[in-house]
Amino acid sequence: MYNDKLLFKVDKYHKITQLTLQGTYVKSDVIPTKLVNNKLTATVYATQTLNFKDKQGKDAVKVFQITYDGNAGKLTKVTATGNYEINTDSSVF
């Protein structure tokens, strides 16, 4: 399920093999880009290791643009902007 929408049809005859893709959070790097009226805009690079069951993992970095309201003490906007890729090795996939 994604945003309350079914991405794939139900496989009632079990023709699809589950890939057992696993993800493990590694770290996040926050790069501030603007601070106005106690509202911080930043780019966040979230690193996670992705792997199939019993396989060596590969790191993937997802990029987000965020806005943090210092007066309210919470995130007010999070936008996924894509994946950051350097020397991608797809052998795990």
Protein backbone atom coordinates (compact mmCIF):
# COMPACT_ATOMS: atom_id res chain seq x y z
CA MET A 1 0.00 0.00 0.00
CA TYR A 2 1.20 3.51 -0.79
CA ASN A 3 -0.92 6.56 -0.05
CA ASP A 4 -3.92 4.25 0.42
CA LYS A 5 -3.53 2.88 -3.11
CA LEU A 6 -2.78 -0.72 -4.04
CA LEU A 7 0.35 -0.73 -6.24
CA PHE A 8 0.04 -4.31 -7.51
CA LYS A 9 -2.86 -6.59 -8.26
CA VAL A 10 -3.61 -9.29 -5.71
CA ASP A 11 -1.75 -12.48 -6.70
CA LYS A 12 -4.42 -15.05 -5.82
CA TYR A 13 -2.64 -17.86 -7.72
CA HIS A 14 0.74 -17.13 -6.05
CA LYS A 15 2.62 -16.67 -9.32
CA ILE A 16 4.92 -13.96 -7.94
CA THR A 17 7.93 -14.84 -5.79
CA GLN A 18 8.47 -12.52 -2.85
CA LEU A 19 11.88 -10.86 -3.11
CA THR A 20 12.30 -10.20 0.63
CA LEU A 21 13.91 -6.80 0.06
CA GLN A 22 15.14 -5.46 3.39
CA GLY A 23 16.18 -1.94 4.33
CA THR A 24 18.24 -0.82 7.31
CA TYR A 25 18.67 2.81 8.35
CA VAL A 26 22.34 3.88 8.47
CA LYS A 27 22.51 7.65 8.98
CA SER A 28 21.19 11.06 7.95
CA ASP A 29 23.09 14.19 6.98
CA VAL A 30 21.31 17.55 7.20
CA ILE A 31 22.60 20.45 5.10
CA PRO A 32 20.91 23.77 6.03
CA THR A 33 20.15 25.99 3.03
CA LYS A 34 18.11 28.89 4.44
CA LEU A 35 16.98 30.33 7.78
CA VAL A 36 14.26 33.02 7.75
CA ASN A 37 12.00 34.02 10.66
CA ASN A 38 13.07 30.95 12.67
CA LYS A 39 12.10 28.61 9.78
CA LEU A 40 14.90 26.38 8.58
CA THR A 41 14.99 24.94 5.08
CA ALA A 42 17.45 22.08 4.57
CA THR A 43 18.41 19.16 2.37
CA VAL A 44 18.49 15.78 4.12
CA TYR A 45 20.50 12.85 2.78
CA ALA A 46 19.17 9.66 4.40
CA THR A 47 21.38 6.61 3.91
CA GLN A 48 20.03 3.08 4.20
CA THR A 49 21.41 -0.34 3.30
CA LEU A 50 19.18 -2.36 0.96
CA ASN A 51 19.55 -6.05 0.39
CA PHE A 52 17.66 -9.20 -0.43
CA LYS A 53 17.51 -11.88 2.25
CA ASP A 54 20.93 -13.46 2.88
CA LYS A 55 22.68 -11.19 0.33
CA GLN A 56 25.31 -8.49 0.82
CA GLY A 57 23.69 -5.05 1.13
CA LYS A 58 24.28 -1.91 -0.91
CA ASP A 59 23.85 1.63 0.36
CA ALA A 60 21.17 3.87 -1.12
CA VAL A 61 20.87 7.57 -0.35
CA LYS A 62 17.45 9.22 -0.51
CA VAL A 63 17.23 13.00 -0.76
CA PHE A 64 14.56 15.13 0.93
CA GLN A 65 13.88 18.86 1.14
CA ILE A 66 12.52 19.76 4.57
CA THR A 67 11.21 22.85 6.33
CA TYR A 68 11.44 23.05 10.12
CA ASP A 69 9.45 25.66 12.05
CA GLY A 70 11.50 26.63 15.12
CA ASN A 71 8.55 28.44 16.72
CA ALA A 72 6.27 25.40 16.51
CA GLY A 73 9.13 22.93 17.10
CA LYS A 74 8.17 20.60 14.25
CA LEU A 75 8.67 19.78 10.59
CA THR A 76 6.14 21.58 8.44
CA LYS A 77 7.12 20.20 5.04
CA VAL A 78 8.97 17.11 3.78
CA THR A 79 9.43 16.59 0.05
CA ALA A 80 11.21 13.56 -1.41
CA THR A 81 13.34 14.78 -4.30
CA GLY A 82 14.97 11.53 -5.42
CA ASN A 83 17.94 9.26 -4.91
CA TYR A 84 21.58 10.27 -4.80
CA GLU A 85 23.68 7.82 -6.79
CA ILE A 86 27.45 7.53 -7.15
CA ASN A 87 29.08 4.43 -8.62
CA THR A 88 25.87 2.46 -8.44
CA ASP A 89 26.35 -1.29 -8.48
CA SER A 90 23.11 -3.08 -9.31
CA SER A 91 24.52 -6.57 -8.76
CA VAL A 92 22.49 -6.89 -5.54
CA PHE A 93 19.29 -6.37 -7.53
